[in-house]
Amino acid sequence: MSEFKIHAFICTNKKEGKACCADKGGRELKDRLKEHFRNRPEFRGKLRVNASGCLGFCEKGINAVIYPKGEWHFHLKSGDDQLLIDAIEKANSEN
């Protein structure tokens, strides 16, 4: 198995009775990103899109972080797919 060059972590954490990324659509956002890049052969073996536990910024959720740069994205909405797609494509062009 090859080493992934890009990791995108999307918070999908659920907190009972508190603001959390799960309630704001974090899991759905992560699922759509995975599906989008699954059909892009240039990312096969290079990109991993993962669900993340709490990233510690619940009040700013949905939150995501993209490595290797450690680029944080806060205040995402469930429909912000393109913003993260663009960030991942940029990270790919820099690797």
PDB file of N, CA and C in Angstrom:
ATOM      1  N   MET A   1       0.848  -1.178   0.000  1.00  0.00           N
ATOM      2  CA  MET A   1       0.000   0.000   0.000  1.00  0.00           C
ATOM      3  C   MET A   1       0.892   1.238   0.000  1.00  0.00           C
ATOM      4  N   SER A   2       0.550   2.187  -0.828  1.00  0.00           N
ATOM      5  CA  SER A   2       1.347   3.406  -0.916  1.00  0.00           C
ATOM      6  C   SER A   2       1.015   4.354   0.231  1.00  0.00           C
ATOM      7  N   GLU A   3       1.932   5.270   0.464  1.00  0.00           N
ATOM      8  CA  GLU A   3       1.720   6.287   1.487  1.00  0.00           C
ATOM      9  C   GLU A   3       0.876   7.411   0.906  1.00  0.00           C
ATOM     10  N   PHE A   4      -0.171   7.787   1.602  1.00  0.00           N
ATOM     11  CA  PHE A   4      -1.026   8.871   1.125  1.00  0.00           C
ATOM     12  C   PHE A   4      -0.291  10.194   1.255  1.00  0.00           C
ATOM     13  N   LYS A   5      -0.415  11.040   0.249  1.00  0.00           N
ATOM     14  CA  LYS A   5       0.234  12.356   0.245  1.00  0.00           C
ATOM     15  C   LYS A   5      -0.664  13.426   0.863  1.00  0.00           C
ATOM     16  N   ILE A   6      -1.973  13.214   0.789  1.00  0.00           N
ATOM     17  CA  ILE A   6      -2.938  14.195   1.280  1.00  0.00           C
ATOM     18  C   ILE A   6      -3.941  13.475   2.185  1.00  0.00           C
ATOM     19  N   HIS A   7      -4.161  14.046   3.350  1.00  0.00           N
ATOM     20  CA  HIS A   7      -5.184  13.548   4.273  1.00  0.00           C
ATOM     21  C   HIS A   7      -6.162  14.677   4.556  1.00  0.00           C
ATOM     22  N   ALA A   8      -7.437  14.404   4.397  1.00  0.00           N
ATOM     23  CA  ALA A   8      -8.483  15.364   4.751  1.00  0.00           C
ATOM     24  C   ALA A   8      -9.296  14.753   5.887  1.00  0.00           C
ATOM     25  N   PHE A   9      -9.305  15.422   7.007  1.00  0.00           N
ATOM     26  CA  PHE A   9     -10.065  14.980   8.169  1.00  0.00           C
ATOM     27  C   PHE A   9     -11.269  15.902   8.343  1.00  0.00           C
ATOM     28  N   ILE A  10     -12.458  15.323   8.298  1.00  0.00           N
ATOM     29  CA  ILE A  10     -13.707  16.062   8.448  1.00  0.00           C
ATOM     30  C   ILE A  10     -14.339  15.629   9.767  1.00  0.00           C
ATOM     31  N   CYS A  11     -14.586  16.587  10.647  1.00  0.00           N
ATOM     32  CA  CYS A  11     -15.174  16.234  11.937  1.00  0.00           C
ATOM     33  C   CYS A  11     -16.607  15.737  11.745  1.00  0.00           C
ATOM     34  N   THR A  12     -16.875  14.586  12.330  1.00  0.00           N
ATOM     35  CA  THR A  12     -18.218  14.002  12.307  1.00  0.00           C
ATOM     36  C   THR A  12     -18.680  13.690  13.734  1.00  0.00           C
ATOM     37  N   ASN A  13     -18.024  14.311  14.700  1.00  0.00           N
ATOM     38  CA  ASN A  13     -18.271  14.020  16.106  1.00  0.00           C
ATOM     39  C   ASN A  13     -19.689  14.402  16.532  1.00  0.00           C
ATOM     40  N   LYS A  14     -20.269  13.548  17.365  1.00  0.00           N
ATOM     41  CA  LYS A  14     -21.618  13.759  17.908  1.00  0.00           C
ATOM     42  C   LYS A  14     -21.510  14.001  19.406  1.00  0.00           C
ATOM     43  N   LYS A  15     -22.063  15.115  19.868  1.00  0.00           N
ATOM     44  CA  LYS A  15     -22.100  15.431  21.296  1.00  0.00           C
ATOM     45  C   LYS A  15     -23.554  15.638  21.692  1.00  0.00           C
ATOM     46  N   GLU A  16     -24.006  14.874  22.633  1.00  0.00           N
ATOM     47  CA  GLU A  16     -25.392  14.989  23.094  1.00  0.00           C
ATOM     48  C   GLU A  16     -25.593  16.311  23.827  1.00  0.00           C
ATOM     49  N   GLY A  17     -26.588  17.068  23.395  1.00  0.00           N
ATOM     50  CA  GLY A  17     -26.959  18.299  24.067  1.00  0.00           C
ATOM     51  C   GLY A  17     -26.032  19.474  23.826  1.00  0.00           C
ATOM     52  N   LYS A  18     -25.067  19.325  22.913  1.00  0.00           N
ATOM     53  CA  LYS A  18     -24.130  20.415  22.622  1.00  0.00           C
ATOM     54  C   LYS A  18     -23.992  20.572  21.116  1.00  0.00           C
ATOM     55  N   ALA A  19     -23.553  21.761  20.706  1.00  0.00           N
ATOM     56  CA  ALA A  19     -23.266  21.982  19.282  1.00  0.00           C
ATOM     57  C   ALA A  19     -22.189  20.995  18.843  1.00  0.00           C
ATOM     58  N   CYS A  20     -22.384  20.411  17.670  1.00  0.00           N
ATOM     59  CA  CYS A  20     -21.388  19.461  17.178  1.00  0.00           C
ATOM     60  C   CYS A  20     -21.450  19.379  15.655  1.00  0.00           C
ATOM     61  N   CYS A  21     -20.354  18.930  15.089  1.00  0.00           N
ATOM     62  CA  CYS A  21     -20.244  18.850  13.634  1.00  0.00           C
ATOM     63  C   CYS A  21     -21.197  17.814  13.039  1.00  0.00           C
ATOM     64  N   ALA A  22     -21.491  16.751  13.785  1.00  0.00           N
ATOM     65  CA  ALA A  22     -22.414  15.734  13.275  1.00  0.00           C
ATOM     66  C   ALA A  22     -23.786  16.338  13.002  1.00  0.00           C
ATOM     67  N   ASP A  23     -24.265  17.162  13.914  1.00  0.00           N
ATOM     68  CA  ASP A  23     -25.590  17.765  13.750  1.00  0.00           C
ATOM     69  C   ASP A  23     -25.630  18.797  12.633  1.00  0.00           C
ATOM     70  N   LYS A  24     -24.472  19.282  12.227  1.00  0.00           N
ATOM     71  CA  LYS A  24     -24.403  20.298  11.171  1.00  0.00           C
ATOM     72  C   LYS A  24     -24.142  19.694   9.796  1.00  0.00           C
ATOM     73  N   GLY A  25     -24.014  18.358   9.724  1.00  0.00           N
ATOM     74  CA  GLY A  25     -23.852  17.687   8.440  1.00  0.00           C
ATOM     75  C   GLY A  25     -22.441  17.235   8.122  1.00  0.00           C
ATOM     76  N   GLY A  26     -21.602  17.085   9.140  1.00  0.00           N
ATOM     77  CA  GLY A  26     -20.218  16.673   8.920  1.00  0.00           C
ATOM     78  C   GLY A  26     -20.077  15.333   8.214  1.00  0.00           C
ATOM     79  N   ARG A  27     -20.864  14.353   8.625  1.00  0.00           N
ATOM     80  CA  ARG A  27     -20.759  13.018   8.015  1.00  0.00           C
ATOM     81  C   ARG A  27     -21.173  13.053   6.543  1.00  0.00           C
ATOM     82  N   GLU A  28     -22.224  13.782   6.248  1.00  0.00           N
ATOM     83  CA  GLU A  28     -22.689  13.868   4.859  1.00  0.00           C
ATOM     84  C   GLU A  28     -21.655  14.574   3.981  1.00  0.00           C
ATOM     85  N   LEU A  29     -21.042  15.620   4.516  1.00  0.00           N
ATOM     86  CA  LEU A  29     -19.989  16.323   3.784  1.00  0.00           C
ATOM     87  C   LEU A  29     -18.822  15.387   3.505  1.00  0.00           C
ATOM     88  N   LYS A  30     -18.385  14.655   4.510  1.00  0.00           N
ATOM     89  CA  LYS A  30     -17.294  13.685   4.337  1.00  0.00           C
ATOM     90  C   LYS A  30     -17.661  12.631   3.305  1.00  0.00           C
ATOM     91  N   ASP A  31     -18.866  12.102   3.369  1.00  0.00           N
ATOM     92  CA  ASP A  31     -19.288  11.062   2.426  1.00  0.00           C
ATOM     93  C   ASP A  31     -19.288  11.569   0.985  1.00  0.00           C
ATOM     94  N   ARG A  32     -19.748  12.794   0.774  1.00  0.00           N
ATOM     95  CA  ARG A  32     -19.764  13.346  -0.589  1.00  0.00           C
ATOM     96  C   ARG A  32     -18.349  13.587  -1.107  1.00  0.00           C
ATOM     97  N   LEU A  33     -17.454  14.044  -0.249  1.00  0.00           N
ATOM     98  CA  LEU A  33     -16.059  14.237  -0.675  1.00  0.00           C
ATOM     99  C   LEU A  33     -15.427  12.910  -1.074  1.00  0.00           C
ATOM    100  N   LYS A  34     -15.640  11.882  -0.259  1.00  0.00           N
ATOM    101  CA  LYS A  34     -15.096  10.560  -0.584  1.00  0.00           C
ATOM    102  C   LYS A  34     -15.611  10.087  -1.941  1.00  0.00           C
ATOM    103  N   GLU A  35     -16.896  10.248  -2.160  1.00  0.00           N
ATOM    104  CA  GLU A  35     -17.494   9.816  -3.424  1.00  0.00           C
ATOM    105  C   GLU A  35     -16.935  10.616  -4.594  1.00  0.00           C
ATOM    106  N   HIS A  36     -16.787  11.917  -4.420  1.00  0.00           N
ATOM    107  CA  HIS A  36     -16.248  12.767  -5.487  1.00  0.00           C
ATOM    108  C   HIS A  36     -14.853  12.299  -5.899  1.00  0.00           C
ATOM    109  N   PHE A  37     -13.983  12.094  -4.929  1.00  0.00           N
ATOM    110  CA  PHE A  37     -12.601  11.750  -5.259  1.00  0.00           C
ATOM    111  C   PHE A  37     -12.420  10.280  -5.615  1.00  0.00           C
ATOM    112  N   ARG A  38     -13.366   9.441  -5.254  1.00  0.00           N
ATOM    113  CA  ARG A  38     -13.311   8.025  -5.640  1.00  0.00           C
ATOM    114  C   ARG A  38     -13.321   7.893  -7.166  1.00  0.00           C
ATOM    115  N   ASN A  39     -13.956   8.843  -7.829  1.00  0.00           N
ATOM    116  CA  ASN A  39     -14.066   8.808  -9.287  1.00  0.00           C
ATOM    117  C   ASN A  39     -12.989   9.622  -9.988  1.00  0.00           C
ATOM    118  N   ARG A  40     -11.938   9.990  -9.286  1.00  0.00           N
ATOM    119  CA  ARG A  40     -10.849  10.791  -9.841  1.00  0.00           C
ATOM    120  C   ARG A  40      -9.564   9.967  -9.798  1.00  0.00           C
ATOM    121  N   PRO A  41      -9.190   9.322 -10.901  1.00  0.00           N
ATOM    122  CA  PRO A  41      -8.036   8.417 -10.883  1.00  0.00           C
ATOM    123  C   PRO A  41      -6.729   9.073 -10.461  1.00  0.00           C
ATOM    124  N   GLU A  42      -6.586  10.373 -10.698  1.00  0.00           N
ATOM    125  CA  GLU A  42      -5.331  11.038 -10.328  1.00  0.00           C
ATOM    126  C   GLU A  42      -5.147  11.136  -8.808  1.00  0.00           C
ATOM    127  N   PHE A  43      -6.201  10.847  -8.045  1.00  0.00           N
ATOM    128  CA  PHE A  43      -6.105  10.885  -6.586  1.00  0.00           C
ATOM    129  C   PHE A  43      -6.007   9.491  -5.972  1.00  0.00           C
ATOM    130  N   ARG A  44      -6.159   8.466  -6.788  1.00  0.00           N
ATOM    131  CA  ARG A  44      -6.128   7.099  -6.284  1.00  0.00           C
ATOM    132  C   ARG A  44      -4.766   6.801  -5.662  1.00  0.00           C
ATOM    133  N   GLY A  45      -4.770   6.396  -4.409  1.00  0.00           N
ATOM    134  CA  GLY A  45      -3.538   6.084  -3.698  1.00  0.00           C
ATOM    135  C   GLY A  45      -2.802   7.297  -3.159  1.00  0.00           C
ATOM    136  N   LYS A  46      -3.299   8.499  -3.446  1.00  0.00           N
ATOM    137  CA  LYS A  46      -2.653   9.731  -2.980  1.00  0.00           C
ATOM    138  C   LYS A  46      -3.447  10.437  -1.894  1.00  0.00           C
ATOM    139  N   LEU A  47      -4.764  10.254  -1.897  1.00  0.00           N
ATOM    140  CA  LEU A  47      -5.652  11.012  -1.012  1.00  0.00           C
ATOM    141  C   LEU A  47      -6.434  10.076  -0.114  1.00  0.00           C
ATOM    142  N   ARG A  48      -6.550  10.480   1.135  1.00  0.00           N
ATOM    143  CA  ARG A  48      -7.410   9.770   2.071  1.00  0.00           C
ATOM    144  C   ARG A  48      -8.345  10.790   2.712  1.00  0.00           C
ATOM    145  N   VAL A  49      -9.646  10.579   2.589  1.00  0.00           N
ATOM    146  CA  VAL A  49     -10.652  11.416   3.246  1.00  0.00           C
ATOM    147  C   VAL A  49     -11.191  10.605   4.419  1.00  0.00           C
ATOM    148  N   ASN A  50     -11.022  11.133   5.619  1.00  0.00           N
ATOM    149  CA  ASN A  50     -11.406  10.416   6.829  1.00  0.00           C
ATOM    150  C   ASN A  50     -12.401  11.202   7.663  1.00  0.00           C
ATOM    151  N   ALA A  51     -13.263  10.459   8.347  1.00  0.00           N
ATOM    152  CA  ALA A  51     -14.061  11.049   9.418  1.00  0.00           C
ATOM    153  C   ALA A  51     -13.120  11.279  10.589  1.00  0.00           C
ATOM    154  N   SER A  52     -13.361  12.343  11.306  1.00  0.00           N
ATOM    155  CA  SER A  52     -12.539  12.660  12.462  1.00  0.00           C
ATOM    156  C   SER A  52     -13.423  12.756  13.688  1.00  0.00           C
ATOM    157  N   GLY A  53     -12.852  12.423  14.817  1.00  0.00           N
ATOM    158  CA  GLY A  53     -13.492  12.733  16.080  1.00  0.00           C
ATOM    159  C   GLY A  53     -13.396  14.236  16.293  1.00  0.00           C
ATOM    160  N   CYS A  54     -13.694  14.671  17.486  1.00  0.00           N
ATOM    161  CA  CYS A  54     -13.713  16.100  17.786  1.00  0.00           C
ATOM    162  C   CYS A  54     -12.354  16.735  17.509  1.00  0.00           C
ATOM    163  N   LEU A  55     -12.376  17.821  16.749  1.00  0.00           N
ATOM    164  CA  LEU A  55     -11.162  18.580  16.456  1.00  0.00           C
ATOM    165  C   LEU A  55     -10.991  19.749  17.424  1.00  0.00           C
ATOM    166  N   GLY A  56     -11.918  19.899  18.364  1.00  0.00           N
ATOM    167  CA  GLY A  56     -11.762  20.866  19.430  1.00  0.00           C
ATOM    168  C   GLY A  56     -12.319  22.256  19.179  1.00  0.00           C
ATOM    169  N   PHE A  57     -13.038  22.425  18.087  1.00  0.00           N
ATOM    170  CA  PHE A  57     -13.588  23.739  17.766  1.00  0.00           C
ATOM    171  C   PHE A  57     -15.082  23.626  17.469  1.00  0.00           C
ATOM    172  N   CYS A  58     -15.812  22.985  18.355  1.00  0.00           N
ATOM    173  CA  CYS A  58     -17.228  22.683  18.122  1.00  0.00           C
ATOM    174  C   CYS A  58     -18.038  23.920  17.757  1.00  0.00           C
ATOM    175  N   GLU A  59     -17.727  25.037  18.385  1.00  0.00           N
ATOM    176  CA  GLU A  59     -18.480  26.264  18.112  1.00  0.00           C
ATOM    177  C   GLU A  59     -18.218  26.797  16.714  1.00  0.00           C
ATOM    178  N   LYS A  60     -17.185  26.283  16.044  1.00  0.00           N
ATOM    179  CA  LYS A  60     -16.843  26.728  14.690  1.00  0.00           C
ATOM    180  C   LYS A  60     -17.197  25.676  13.644  1.00  0.00           C
ATOM    181  N   GLY A  61     -17.931  24.621  14.023  1.00  0.00           N
ATOM    182  CA  GLY A  61     -18.165  23.496  13.136  1.00  0.00           C
ATOM    183  C   GLY A  61     -19.106  23.799  11.995  1.00  0.00           C
ATOM    184  N   ILE A  62     -19.057  23.020  10.973  1.00  0.00           N
ATOM    185  CA  ILE A  62     -18.274  21.828  10.659  1.00  0.00           C
ATOM    186  C   ILE A  62     -16.809  22.251  10.470  1.00  0.00           C
ATOM    187  N   ASN A  63     -15.896  21.437  11.001  1.00  0.00           N
ATOM    188  CA  ASN A  63     -14.479  21.731  10.897  1.00  0.00           C
ATOM    189  C   ASN A  63     -13.780  20.642  10.102  1.00  0.00           C
ATOM    190  N   ALA A  64     -12.715  21.061   9.419  1.00  0.00           N
ATOM    191  CA  ALA A  64     -11.905  20.120   8.652  1.00  0.00           C
ATOM    192  C   ALA A  64     -10.460  20.589   8.691  1.00  0.00           C
ATOM    193  N   VAL A  65      -9.551  19.648   8.533  1.00  0.00           N
ATOM    194  CA  VAL A  65      -8.133  19.984   8.411  1.00  0.00           C
ATOM    195  C   VAL A  65      -7.546  19.103   7.313  1.00  0.00           C
ATOM    196  N   ILE A  66      -6.720  19.722   6.475  1.00  0.00           N
ATOM    197  CA  ILE A  66      -6.119  19.023   5.341  1.00  0.00           C
ATOM    198  C   ILE A  66      -4.607  19.033   5.521  1.00  0.00           C
ATOM    199  N   TYR A  67      -4.031  17.845   5.502  1.00  0.00           N
ATOM    200  CA  TYR A  67      -2.579  17.684   5.614  1.00  0.00           C
ATOM    201  C   TYR A  67      -2.025  17.251   4.273  1.00  0.00           C
ATOM    202  N   PRO A  68      -0.796  17.622   3.943  1.00  0.00           N
ATOM    203  CA  PRO A  68       0.312  17.845   4.860  1.00  0.00           C
ATOM    204  C   PRO A  68       0.474  19.281   5.352  1.00  0.00           C
ATOM    205  N   LYS A  69      -0.227  20.242   4.796  1.00  0.00           N
ATOM    206  CA  LYS A  69      -0.018  21.636   5.202  1.00  0.00           C
ATOM    207  C   LYS A  69      -0.650  21.974   6.546  1.00  0.00           C
ATOM    208  N   GLY A  70      -1.595  21.188   6.997  1.00  0.00           N
ATOM    209  CA  GLY A  70      -2.296  21.525   8.230  1.00  0.00           C
ATOM    210  C   GLY A  70      -3.228  22.706   8.031  1.00  0.00           C
ATOM    211  N   GLU A  71      -3.895  22.724   6.884  1.00  0.00           N
ATOM    212  CA  GLU A  71      -4.799  23.822   6.513  1.00  0.00           C
ATOM    213  C   GLU A  71      -6.177  23.584   7.128  1.00  0.00           C
ATOM    214  N   TRP A  72      -6.559  24.459   8.068  1.00  0.00           N
ATOM    215  CA  TRP A  72      -7.829  24.336   8.772  1.00  0.00           C
ATOM    216  C   TRP A  72      -8.940  25.060   8.026  1.00  0.00           C
ATOM    217  N   HIS A  73     -10.131  24.470   8.110  1.00  0.00           N
ATOM    218  CA  HIS A  73     -11.343  25.082   7.552  1.00  0.00           C
ATOM    219  C   HIS A  73     -12.413  25.032   8.639  1.00  0.00           C
ATOM    220  N   PHE A  74     -12.922  26.209   8.991  1.00  0.00           N
ATOM    221  CA  PHE A  74     -13.937  26.334  10.037  1.00  0.00           C
ATOM    222  C   PHE A  74     -15.239  26.863   9.438  1.00  0.00           C
ATOM    223  N   HIS A  75     -16.294  26.758  10.204  1.00  0.00           N
ATOM    224  CA  HIS A  75     -17.611  27.298   9.834  1.00  0.00           C
ATOM    225  C   HIS A  75     -18.119  26.728   8.505  1.00  0.00           C
ATOM    226  N   LEU A  76     -17.742  25.486   8.201  1.00  0.00           N
ATOM    227  CA  LEU A  76     -18.231  24.861   6.975  1.00  0.00           C
ATOM    228  C   LEU A  76     -19.705  24.518   7.139  1.00  0.00           C
ATOM    229  N   LYS A  77     -20.372  24.471   6.023  1.00  0.00           N
ATOM    230  CA  LYS A  77     -21.764  24.019   5.986  1.00  0.00           C
ATOM    231  C   LYS A  77     -21.794  22.719   5.191  1.00  0.00           C
ATOM    232  N   SER A  78     -22.853  21.988   5.334  1.00  0.00           N
ATOM    233  CA  SER A  78     -22.951  20.693   4.667  1.00  0.00           C
ATOM    234  C   SER A  78     -22.753  20.803   3.160  1.00  0.00           C
ATOM    235  N   GLY A  79     -23.106  21.925   2.566  1.00  0.00           N
ATOM    236  CA  GLY A  79     -22.975  22.098   1.119  1.00  0.00           C
ATOM    237  C   GLY A  79     -21.664  22.708   0.660  1.00  0.00           C
ATOM    238  N   ASP A  80     -20.672  22.802   1.534  1.00  0.00           N
ATOM    239  CA  ASP A  80     -19.396  23.428   1.173  1.00  0.00           C
ATOM    240  C   ASP A  80     -18.418  22.456   0.516  1.00  0.00           C
ATOM    241  N   ASP A  81     -18.936  21.512  -0.221  1.00  0.00           N
ATOM    242  CA  ASP A  81     -18.093  20.523  -0.889  1.00  0.00           C
ATOM    243  C   ASP A  81     -17.018  21.189  -1.741  1.00  0.00           C
ATOM    244  N   GLN A  82     -17.419  22.152  -2.565  1.00  0.00           N
ATOM    245  CA  GLN A  82     -16.487  22.726  -3.538  1.00  0.00           C
ATOM    246  C   GLN A  82     -15.313  23.422  -2.860  1.00  0.00           C
ATOM    247  N   LEU A  83     -15.557  24.056  -1.735  1.00  0.00           N
ATOM    248  CA  LEU A  83     -14.472  24.707  -1.006  1.00  0.00           C
ATOM    249  C   LEU A  83     -13.393  23.691  -0.628  1.00  0.00           C
ATOM    250  N   LEU A  84     -13.796  22.539  -0.125  1.00  0.00           N
ATOM    251  CA  LEU A  84     -12.827  21.512   0.252  1.00  0.00           C
ATOM    252  C   LEU A  84     -12.242  20.814  -0.966  1.00  0.00           C
ATOM    253  N   ILE A  85     -13.033  20.620  -2.002  1.00  0.00           N
ATOM    254  CA  ILE A  85     -12.504  20.046  -3.247  1.00  0.00           C
ATOM    255  C   ILE A  85     -11.387  20.932  -3.776  1.00  0.00           C
ATOM    256  N   ASP A  86     -11.614  22.239  -3.797  1.00  0.00           N
ATOM    257  CA  ASP A  86     -10.590  23.174  -4.276  1.00  0.00           C
ATOM    258  C   ASP A  86      -9.331  23.104  -3.416  1.00  0.00           C
ATOM    259  N   ALA A  87      -9.491  23.034  -2.096  1.00  0.00           N
ATOM    260  CA  ALA A  87      -8.337  22.968  -1.196  1.00  0.00           C
ATOM    261  C   ALA A  87      -7.551  21.679  -1.405  1.00  0.00           C
ATOM    262  N   ILE A  88      -8.247  20.578  -1.623  1.00  0.00           N
ATOM    263  CA  ILE A  88      -7.575  19.295  -1.851  1.00  0.00           C
ATOM    264  C   ILE A  88      -6.866  19.302  -3.200  1.00  0.00           C
ATOM    265  N   GLU A  89      -7.510  19.839  -4.218  1.00  0.00           N
ATOM    266  CA  GLU A  89      -6.860  19.936  -5.531  1.00  0.00           C
ATOM    267  C   GLU A  89      -5.617  20.816  -5.462  1.00  0.00           C
ATOM    268  N   LYS A  90      -5.677  21.896  -4.696  1.00  0.00           N
ATOM    269  CA  LYS A  90      -4.511  22.766  -4.524  1.00  0.00           C
ATOM    270  C   LYS A  90      -3.388  22.006  -3.820  1.00  0.00           C
ATOM    271  N   ALA A  91      -3.725  21.274  -2.770  1.00  0.00           N
ATOM    272  CA  ALA A  91      -2.720  20.476  -2.060  1.00  0.00           C
ATOM    273  C   ALA A  91      -2.095  19.447  -2.993  1.00  0.00           C
ATOM    274  N   ASN A  92      -2.889  18.868  -3.872  1.00  0.00           N
ATOM    275  CA  ASN A  92      -2.373  17.891  -4.828  1.00  0.00           C
ATOM    276  C   ASN A  92      -1.397  18.542  -5.799  1.00  0.00           C
ATOM    277  N   SER A  93      -1.705  19.743  -6.249  1.00  0.00           N
ATOM    278  CA  SER A  93      -0.824  20.417  -7.209  1.00  0.00           C
ATOM    279  C   SER A  93       0.494  20.838  -6.560  1.00  0.00           C
ATOM    280  N   GLU A  94       0.510  20.967  -5.239  1.00  0.00           N
ATOM    281  CA  GLU A  94       1.721  21.360  -4.521  1.00  0.00           C
ATOM    282  C   GLU A  94       2.560  20.163  -4.105  1.00  0.00           C
ATOM    283  N   ASN A  95       2.044  18.958  -4.280  1.00  0.00           N
ATOM    284  CA  ASN A  95       2.780  17.740  -3.899  1.00  0.00           C
ATOM    285  C   ASN A  95       3.352  17.061  -5.102  1.00  0.00           C
TER     286      ASN A  95
END
